[in-house]
């Protein structure tokens, strides 16, 4: 949905696109960057790759060290970048977003996370909320930018959502047979979180929004190494043997 007309709309940051509505030029830049990687032999893209690609597509900056959970910034706007791989990005309804390390031991001194599962789960969400606070204290608004990709790096889906605090009291926590903690919405019974004691990793289960952008790439394939080196005028003199 586009921004509404407001009397004080001149105060709005005009560099911010509508949620999940990247300009076509940005989509073309994202596609070109991925095609380049595929043509040079890459078989997948990492989270850092996605951060570089997205930052370039919006003329932003990919931070070397995240601020809270803000990875990419532009002016006073921040984004947390996530990419996940699924079989069919175009028809995907729900994904799991790995949202970083939340350690109740380090943050709250909870040495045995299984002793009081509810207390541990509440501590995990409190840590997440604090990381969101850090990002928002430096950048506003803050969004999550998600790129869903398929195995062959041909089909993609992009969407955004606002970074949010979670109401700790709205979730109940249970331990599953694998020893991981799962957080459920009390009102609906829907599972929203998985937290793994080993590694303290929090996963947020996210349903895709109605507004998203899907695109498909048509890559010419991997560039022949010898032809590429010839095209740039490579000679053995480019390699200097020191020892």
C-alpha atoms as a PDB file:
ATOM      1  CA  UNK A   1       0.000   0.000   0.000  1.00  0.00           C
ATOM      2  CA  UNK A   2       1.303   3.466  -0.888  1.00  0.00           C
ATOM      3  CA  UNK A   3       1.902   6.137   1.731  1.00  0.00           C
ATOM      4  CA  UNK A   4      -1.302   8.065   2.548  1.00  0.00           C
ATOM      5  CA  UNK A   5      -1.604  11.734   1.737  1.00  0.00           C
ATOM      6  CA  UNK A   6      -0.868  13.726   4.900  1.00  0.00           C
ATOM      7  CA  UNK A   7      -0.662  17.436   5.688  1.00  0.00           C
ATOM      8  CA  UNK A   8       2.863  17.012   7.071  1.00  0.00           C
ATOM      9  CA  UNK A   9       4.029  14.433   4.504  1.00  0.00           C
ATOM     10  CA  UNK A  10       6.959  16.704   3.623  1.00  0.00           C
ATOM     11  CA  UNK A  11       8.561  15.497   6.860  1.00  0.00           C
ATOM     12  CA  UNK A  12       8.487  11.875   5.650  1.00  0.00           C
ATOM     13  CA  UNK A  13      11.752  10.327   4.480  1.00  0.00           C
ATOM     14  CA  UNK A  14      11.300  10.302   0.724  1.00  0.00           C
ATOM     15  CA  UNK A  15      14.099   7.760   0.165  1.00  0.00           C
ATOM     16  CA  UNK A  16      11.973   4.984   1.703  1.00  0.00           C
ATOM     17  CA  UNK A  17       9.961   2.851  -0.707  1.00  0.00           C
ATOM     18  CA  UNK A  18       6.620   1.363   0.275  1.00  0.00           C
ATOM     19  CA  UNK A  19       6.776  -1.916   2.195  1.00  0.00           C
ATOM     20  CA  UNK A  20       7.727  -4.843  -0.086  1.00  0.00           C
ATOM     21  CA  UNK A  21       7.642  -2.546  -3.114  1.00  0.00           C
ATOM     22  CA  UNK A  22      11.192  -2.082  -4.338  1.00  0.00           C
ATOM     23  CA  UNK A  23      11.474   0.054  -7.490  1.00  0.00           C
ATOM     24  CA  UNK A  24      12.031  -1.952 -10.679  1.00  0.00           C
ATOM     25  CA  UNK A  25      15.557  -0.537 -10.965  1.00  0.00           C
ATOM     26  CA  UNK A  26      16.421  -2.083  -7.600  1.00  0.00           C
ATOM     27  CA  UNK A  27      15.042  -5.478  -8.680  1.00  0.00           C
ATOM     28  CA  UNK A  28      17.110  -5.278 -11.869  1.00  0.00           C
ATOM     29  CA  UNK A  29      20.228  -4.532  -9.813  1.00  0.00           C
ATOM     30  CA  UNK A  30      19.540  -7.493  -7.521  1.00  0.00           C
ATOM     31  CA  UNK A  31      19.014  -9.769 -10.509  1.00  0.00           C
ATOM     32  CA  UNK A  32      22.162  -8.538 -12.272  1.00  0.00           C
ATOM     33  CA  UNK A  33      24.283  -9.122  -9.166  1.00  0.00           C
ATOM     34  CA  UNK A  34      23.001 -12.692  -8.759  1.00  0.00           C
ATOM     35  CA  UNK A  35      23.472 -13.449 -12.475  1.00  0.00           C
ATOM     36  CA  UNK A  36      27.056 -12.205 -12.205  1.00  0.00           C
ATOM     37  CA  UNK A  37      27.676 -14.549  -9.274  1.00  0.00           C
ATOM     38  CA  UNK A  38      26.159 -17.499 -11.121  1.00  0.00           C
ATOM     39  CA  UNK A  39      28.171 -16.765 -14.266  1.00  0.00           C
ATOM     40  CA  UNK A  40      31.396 -16.682 -12.262  1.00  0.00           C
ATOM     41  CA  UNK A  41      30.750 -20.108 -10.778  1.00  0.00           C
ATOM     42  CA  UNK A  42      28.884 -19.441  -7.527  1.00  0.00           C
ATOM     43  CA  UNK A  43      26.288 -22.080  -6.657  1.00  0.00           C
ATOM     44  CA  UNK A  44      24.620 -20.204  -3.795  1.00  0.00           C
ATOM     45  CA  UNK A  45      24.548 -16.842  -2.037  1.00  0.00           C
ATOM     46  CA  UNK A  46      25.232 -16.164   1.633  1.00  0.00           C
ATOM     47  CA  UNK A  47      23.685 -13.733   4.050  1.00  0.00           C
ATOM     48  CA  UNK A  48      26.646 -11.402   3.577  1.00  0.00           C
ATOM     49  CA  UNK A  49      26.190 -11.616  -0.207  1.00  0.00           C
ATOM     50  CA  UNK A  50      22.543 -10.624   0.203  1.00  0.00           C
ATOM     51  CA  UNK A  51      23.541  -7.717   2.421  1.00  0.00           C
ATOM     52  CA  UNK A  52      25.958  -6.420  -0.233  1.00  0.00           C
ATOM     53  CA  UNK A  53      23.440  -6.940  -3.032  1.00  0.00           C
ATOM     54  CA  UNK A  54      20.541  -5.233  -1.246  1.00  0.00           C
ATOM     55  CA  UNK A  55      22.672  -2.306  -0.088  1.00  0.00           C
ATOM     56  CA  UNK A  56      23.848  -1.697  -3.649  1.00  0.00           C
ATOM     57  CA  UNK A  57      20.307  -1.950  -5.021  1.00  0.00           C
ATOM     58  CA  UNK A  58      19.049   0.888  -2.797  1.00  0.00           C
ATOM     59  CA  UNK A  59      22.315   2.885  -2.710  1.00  0.00           C
ATOM     60  CA  UNK A  60      22.654   2.081   0.980  1.00  0.00           C
ATOM     61  CA  UNK A  61      25.515   0.829   3.143  1.00  0.00           C
ATOM     62  CA  UNK A  62      26.130  -2.718   4.349  1.00  0.00           C
ATOM     63  CA  UNK A  63      27.498  -2.375   7.877  1.00  0.00           C
ATOM     64  CA  UNK A  64      30.618  -4.337   8.755  1.00  0.00           C
ATOM     65  CA  UNK A  65      29.135  -4.905  12.213  1.00  0.00           C
ATOM     66  CA  UNK A  66      25.340  -4.845  12.722  1.00  0.00           C
ATOM     67  CA  UNK A  67      23.807  -2.224  14.997  1.00  0.00           C
ATOM     68  CA  UNK A  68      21.458  -4.338  17.079  1.00  0.00           C
ATOM     69  CA  UNK A  69      19.965  -6.268  14.193  1.00  0.00           C
ATOM     70  CA  UNK A  70      20.352  -3.566  11.530  1.00  0.00           C
ATOM     71  CA  UNK A  71      22.615  -4.815   8.722  1.00  0.00           C
ATOM     72  CA  UNK A  72      21.989  -2.287   5.946  1.00  0.00           C
ATOM     73  CA  UNK A  73      21.295   1.419   6.392  1.00  0.00           C
ATOM     74  CA  UNK A  74      20.368   4.371   4.247  1.00  0.00           C
ATOM     75  CA  UNK A  75      20.055   7.829   5.755  1.00  0.00           C
ATOM     76  CA  UNK A  76      18.203   7.156   9.021  1.00  0.00           C
ATOM     77  CA  UNK A  77      16.556   3.900   7.834  1.00  0.00           C
ATOM     78  CA  UNK A  78      17.729   0.432   8.878  1.00  0.00           C
ATOM     79  CA  UNK A  79      17.144  -3.082   7.551  1.00  0.00           C
ATOM     80  CA  UNK A  80      17.814  -6.524   8.974  1.00  0.00           C
ATOM     81  CA  UNK A  81      18.710  -8.799   6.050  1.00  0.00           C
ATOM     82  CA  UNK A  82      17.621 -12.440   5.793  1.00  0.00           C
ATOM     83  CA  UNK A  83      17.764 -14.991   2.988  1.00  0.00           C
ATOM     84  CA  UNK A  84      16.316 -18.490   3.003  1.00  0.00           C
ATOM     85  CA  UNK A  85      16.242 -21.341   0.497  1.00  0.00           C
ATOM     86  CA  UNK A  86      13.015 -23.165  -0.374  1.00  0.00           C
ATOM     87  CA  UNK A  87      11.849 -25.436  -3.164  1.00  0.00           C
ATOM     88  CA  UNK A  88       9.240 -23.076  -4.632  1.00  0.00           C
ATOM     89  CA  UNK A  89       9.635 -19.383  -3.722  1.00  0.00           C
ATOM     90  CA  UNK A  90       6.613 -18.332  -5.796  1.00  0.00           C
ATOM     91  CA  UNK A  91       4.145 -20.439  -3.803  1.00  0.00           C
ATOM     92  CA  UNK A  92       5.825 -20.398  -0.406  1.00  0.00           C
ATOM     93  CA  UNK A  93       3.451 -19.495   2.437  1.00  0.00           C
ATOM     94  CA  UNK A  94       5.681 -19.760   5.514  1.00  0.00           C
ATOM     95  CA  UNK A  95       9.411 -19.635   6.221  1.00  0.00           C
ATOM     96  CA  UNK A  96      11.770 -19.914   9.164  1.00  0.00           C
ATOM     97  CA  UNK A  97      14.029 -16.928   9.725  1.00  0.00           C
ATOM     98  CA  UNK A  98      17.180 -17.534  11.734  1.00  0.00           C
ATOM     99  CA  UNK A  99      17.311 -14.421  13.856  1.00  0.00           C
ATOM    100  CA  UNK A 100      20.617 -14.680  15.636  1.00  0.00           C
ATOM    101  CA  UNK A 101      22.005 -15.718  18.975  1.00  0.00           C
ATOM    102  CA  UNK A 102      19.928 -15.076  22.096  1.00  0.00           C
ATOM    103  CA  UNK A 103      21.766 -16.419  25.157  1.00  0.00           C
ATOM    104  CA  UNK A 104      19.792 -16.428  28.436  1.00  0.00           C
ATOM    105  CA  UNK A 105      22.947 -17.682  30.148  1.00  0.00           C
ATOM    106  CA  UNK A 106      25.005 -14.655  29.090  1.00  0.00           C
ATOM    107  CA  UNK A 107      22.206 -12.105  29.438  1.00  0.00           C
ATOM    108  CA  UNK A 108      20.324 -13.356  32.509  1.00  0.00           C
ATOM    109  CA  UNK A 109      22.538 -15.981  34.135  1.00  0.00           C
ATOM    110  CA  UNK A 110      20.152 -18.834  33.283  1.00  0.00           C
ATOM    111  CA  UNK A 111      22.627 -21.712  33.301  1.00  0.00           C
ATOM    112  CA  UNK A 112      20.047 -24.486  32.912  1.00  0.00           C
ATOM    113  CA  UNK A 113      17.535 -23.489  30.197  1.00  0.00           C
ATOM    114  CA  UNK A 114      15.438 -26.614  30.841  1.00  0.00           C
ATOM    115  CA  UNK A 115      14.818 -25.950  34.545  1.00  0.00           C
ATOM    116  CA  UNK A 116      12.079 -23.395  33.873  1.00  0.00           C
ATOM    117  CA  UNK A 117      11.183 -23.486  30.185  1.00  0.00           C
ATOM    118  CA  UNK A 118       8.732 -20.591  30.394  1.00  0.00           C
ATOM    119  CA  UNK A 119      11.277 -18.352  32.120  1.00  0.00           C
ATOM    120  CA  UNK A 120      13.915 -19.230  29.521  1.00  0.00           C
ATOM    121  CA  UNK A 121      11.563 -18.495  26.635  1.00  0.00           C
ATOM    122  CA  UNK A 122      10.607 -15.156  28.125  1.00  0.00           C
ATOM    123  CA  UNK A 123      14.293 -14.296  28.503  1.00  0.00           C
ATOM    124  CA  UNK A 124      14.917 -15.177  24.836  1.00  0.00           C
ATOM    125  CA  UNK A 125      12.159 -12.807  23.683  1.00  0.00           C
ATOM    126  CA  UNK A 126      13.418 -10.085  26.047  1.00  0.00           C
ATOM    127  CA  UNK A 127      16.864 -10.360  24.426  1.00  0.00           C
ATOM    128  CA  UNK A 128      15.322 -10.088  20.964  1.00  0.00           C
ATOM    129  CA  UNK A 129      13.329  -7.018  22.002  1.00  0.00           C
ATOM    130  CA  UNK A 130      16.477  -5.382  23.371  1.00  0.00           C
ATOM    131  CA  UNK A 131      18.306  -5.944  20.089  1.00  0.00           C
ATOM    132  CA  UNK A 132      15.399  -4.328  18.260  1.00  0.00           C
ATOM    133  CA  UNK A 133      15.641  -1.401  20.700  1.00  0.00           C
ATOM    134  CA  UNK A 134      19.321  -0.926  19.829  1.00  0.00           C
ATOM    135  CA  UNK A 135      18.554  -0.832  16.117  1.00  0.00           C
ATOM    136  CA  UNK A 136      15.655   1.579  16.588  1.00  0.00           C
ATOM    137  CA  UNK A 137      17.710   3.893  18.774  1.00  0.00           C
ATOM    138  CA  UNK A 138      19.965   4.504  15.755  1.00  0.00           C
ATOM    139  CA  UNK A 139      17.613   4.045  12.801  1.00  0.00           C
ATOM    140  CA  UNK A 140      13.914   4.612  12.252  1.00  0.00           C
ATOM    141  CA  UNK A 141      11.997   3.059  10.685  1.00  0.00           C
ATOM    142  CA  UNK A 142      13.571  -0.409  10.811  1.00  0.00           C
ATOM    143  CA  UNK A 143      12.555  -3.252   8.538  1.00  0.00           C
ATOM    144  CA  UNK A 144      13.451  -6.846   7.794  1.00  0.00           C
ATOM    145  CA  UNK A 145      14.244  -7.492   4.109  1.00  0.00           C
ATOM    146  CA  UNK A 146      13.889 -11.152   3.131  1.00  0.00           C
ATOM    147  CA  UNK A 147      15.063 -12.814  -0.079  1.00  0.00           C
ATOM    148  CA  UNK A 148      13.654 -16.295  -0.671  1.00  0.00           C
ATOM    149  CA  UNK A 149      15.636 -18.270  -3.242  1.00  0.00           C
ATOM    150  CA  UNK A 150      15.350 -21.678  -4.869  1.00  0.00           C
ATOM    151  CA  UNK A 151      18.047 -24.341  -5.196  1.00  0.00           C
ATOM    152  CA  UNK A 152      19.066 -23.252  -8.698  1.00  0.00           C
ATOM    153  CA  UNK A 153      19.151 -19.483  -8.058  1.00  0.00           C
ATOM    154  CA  UNK A 154      16.496 -18.916 -10.689  1.00  0.00           C
ATOM    155  CA  UNK A 155      13.323 -18.085  -8.776  1.00  0.00           C
ATOM    156  CA  UNK A 156      13.157 -15.470  -6.035  1.00  0.00           C
ATOM    157  CA  UNK A 157      10.645 -13.794  -3.784  1.00  0.00           C
ATOM    158  CA  UNK A 158      11.319 -10.569  -1.874  1.00  0.00           C
ATOM    159  CA  UNK A 159       9.315  -9.108   0.970  1.00  0.00           C
ATOM    160  CA  UNK A 160       9.720  -6.726   3.891  1.00  0.00           C
ATOM    161  CA  UNK A 161       8.163  -6.415   7.303  1.00  0.00           C
ATOM    162  CA  UNK A 162       8.692  -3.945  10.106  1.00  0.00           C
ATOM    163  CA  UNK A 163      10.947  -5.021  12.940  1.00  0.00           C
ATOM    164  CA  UNK A 164       8.731  -5.583  15.914  1.00  0.00           C
ATOM    165  CA  UNK A 165       8.806  -6.149  19.630  1.00  0.00           C
ATOM    166  CA  UNK A 166       7.026  -9.258  20.841  1.00  0.00           C
ATOM    167  CA  UNK A 167       4.752  -9.131  23.880  1.00  0.00           C
ATOM    168  CA  UNK A 168       6.386 -11.615  26.229  1.00  0.00           C
ATOM    169  CA  UNK A 169       3.126 -12.443  27.998  1.00  0.00           C
ATOM    170  CA  UNK A 170       1.448 -13.555  24.757  1.00  0.00           C
ATOM    171  CA  UNK A 171       3.534 -16.723  24.359  1.00  0.00           C
ATOM    172  CA  UNK A 172       3.804 -20.044  26.159  1.00  0.00           C
ATOM    173  CA  UNK A 173       6.907 -22.189  25.862  1.00  0.00           C
ATOM    174  CA  UNK A 174       7.326 -25.947  25.629  1.00  0.00           C
ATOM    175  CA  UNK A 175      10.300 -28.275  25.243  1.00  0.00           C
ATOM    176  CA  UNK A 176      10.131 -30.572  22.225  1.00  0.00           C
ATOM    177  CA  UNK A 177      11.548 -34.142  22.035  1.00  0.00           C
ATOM    178  CA  UNK A 178      14.854 -32.800  20.632  1.00  0.00           C
ATOM    179  CA  UNK A 179      15.389 -30.586  23.663  1.00  0.00           C
ATOM    180  CA  UNK A 180      14.641 -27.345  21.789  1.00  0.00           C
ATOM    181  CA  UNK A 181      12.205 -24.764  23.131  1.00  0.00           C
ATOM    182  CA  UNK A 182       9.149 -23.810  21.091  1.00  0.00           C
ATOM    183  CA  UNK A 183       7.095 -20.656  21.609  1.00  0.00           C
ATOM    184  CA  UNK A 184       3.357 -20.669  20.842  1.00  0.00           C
ATOM    185  CA  UNK A 185       0.861 -17.828  20.694  1.00  0.00           C
ATOM    186  CA  UNK A 186      -1.418 -18.347  23.687  1.00  0.00           C
ATOM    187  CA  UNK A 187      -4.451 -16.939  21.876  1.00  0.00           C
ATOM    188  CA  UNK A 188      -4.188 -18.888  18.590  1.00  0.00           C
ATOM    189  CA  UNK A 189      -1.953 -21.830  19.496  1.00  0.00           C
ATOM    190  CA  UNK A 190       0.252 -21.079  16.472  1.00  0.00           C
ATOM    191  CA  UNK A 191       3.957 -21.884  16.826  1.00  0.00           C
ATOM    192  CA  UNK A 192       6.032 -18.749  16.299  1.00  0.00           C
ATOM    193  CA  UNK A 193       9.506 -19.494  17.680  1.00  0.00           C
ATOM    194  CA  UNK A 194      12.076 -22.231  18.043  1.00  0.00           C
ATOM    195  CA  UNK A 195      15.071 -21.707  20.308  1.00  0.00           C
ATOM    196  CA  UNK A 196      17.990 -24.138  20.377  1.00  0.00           C
ATOM    197  CA  UNK A 197      19.950 -24.347  23.641  1.00  0.00           C
ATOM    198  CA  UNK A 198      22.984 -25.564  21.695  1.00  0.00           C
ATOM    199  CA  UNK A 199      24.175 -22.374  20.023  1.00  0.00           C
ATOM    200  CA  UNK A 200      21.348 -20.268  21.564  1.00  0.00           C
ATOM    201  CA  UNK A 201      19.882 -19.704  18.106  1.00  0.00           C
ATOM    202  CA  UNK A 202      16.406 -18.191  17.778  1.00  0.00           C
ATOM    203  CA  UNK A 203      14.263 -19.009  14.738  1.00  0.00           C
ATOM    204  CA  UNK A 204      11.153 -16.963  14.002  1.00  0.00           C
ATOM    205  CA  UNK A 205       8.423 -18.735  12.027  1.00  0.00           C
ATOM    206  CA  UNK A 206       7.052 -16.153   9.612  1.00  0.00           C
ATOM    207  CA  UNK A 207       4.056 -16.215   7.298  1.00  0.00           C
ATOM    208  CA  UNK A 208       4.608 -14.359   4.038  1.00  0.00           C
ATOM    209  CA  UNK A 209       2.641 -11.126   3.655  1.00  0.00           C
ATOM    210  CA  UNK A 210       0.132 -10.564   0.882  1.00  0.00           C
ATOM    211  CA  UNK A 211       2.362  -7.976  -0.783  1.00  0.00           C
ATOM    212  CA  UNK A 212       5.621  -9.419  -2.084  1.00  0.00           C
ATOM    213  CA  UNK A 213       7.749  -9.243  -5.220  1.00  0.00           C
ATOM    214  CA  UNK A 214       8.604 -12.365  -7.224  1.00  0.00           C
ATOM    215  CA  UNK A 215      11.085 -12.468 -10.080  1.00  0.00           C
ATOM    216  CA  UNK A 216      12.861 -15.071 -12.194  1.00  0.00           C
ATOM    217  CA  UNK A 217      16.356 -14.952 -13.688  1.00  0.00           C
ATOM    218  CA  UNK A 218      17.499 -16.217 -17.067  1.00  0.00           C
ATOM    219  CA  UNK A 219      21.240 -16.763 -16.713  1.00  0.00           C
ATOM    220  CA  UNK A 220      23.535 -17.649 -19.643  1.00  0.00           C
ATOM    221  CA  UNK A 221      25.379 -20.098 -17.406  1.00  0.00           C
ATOM    222  CA  UNK A 222      28.924 -20.260 -16.057  1.00  0.00           C
ATOM    223  CA  UNK A 223      31.456 -18.307 -18.092  1.00  0.00           C
ATOM    224  CA  UNK A 224      34.264 -20.436 -19.527  1.00  0.00           C
ATOM    225  CA  UNK A 225      37.382 -19.706 -17.476  1.00  0.00           C
ATOM    226  CA  UNK A 226      39.839 -19.668 -20.361  1.00  0.00           C
ATOM    227  CA  UNK A 227      37.651 -17.437 -22.506  1.00  0.00           C
ATOM    228  CA  UNK A 228      37.155 -15.045 -19.613  1.00  0.00           C
ATOM    229  CA  UNK A 229      40.887 -14.762 -18.922  1.00  0.00           C
ATOM    230  CA  UNK A 230      41.504 -14.169 -22.606  1.00  0.00           C
ATOM    231  CA  UNK A 231      38.824 -11.467 -22.726  1.00  0.00           C
ATOM    232  CA  UNK A 232      40.551  -9.455 -19.994  1.00  0.00           C
ATOM    233  CA  UNK A 233      44.010  -9.869 -21.551  1.00  0.00           C
ATOM    234  CA  UNK A 234      45.431 -12.177 -18.888  1.00  0.00           C
ATOM    235  CA  UNK A 235      49.108 -13.153 -19.156  1.00  0.00           C
ATOM    236  CA  UNK A 236      51.293 -15.193 -16.758  1.00  0.00           C
ATOM    237  CA  UNK A 237      53.051 -11.961 -15.816  1.00  0.00           C
ATOM    238  CA  UNK A 238      49.978 -11.090 -13.743  1.00  0.00           C
ATOM    239  CA  UNK A 239      51.083 -13.729 -11.246  1.00  0.00           C
ATOM    240  CA  UNK A 240      54.161 -12.758  -9.227  1.00  0.00           C
ATOM    241  CA  UNK A 241      55.868 -15.649  -7.434  1.00  0.00           C
ATOM    242  CA  UNK A 242      57.479 -14.312  -4.253  1.00  0.00           C
ATOM    243  CA  UNK A 243      59.263 -17.456  -3.010  1.00  0.00           C
END
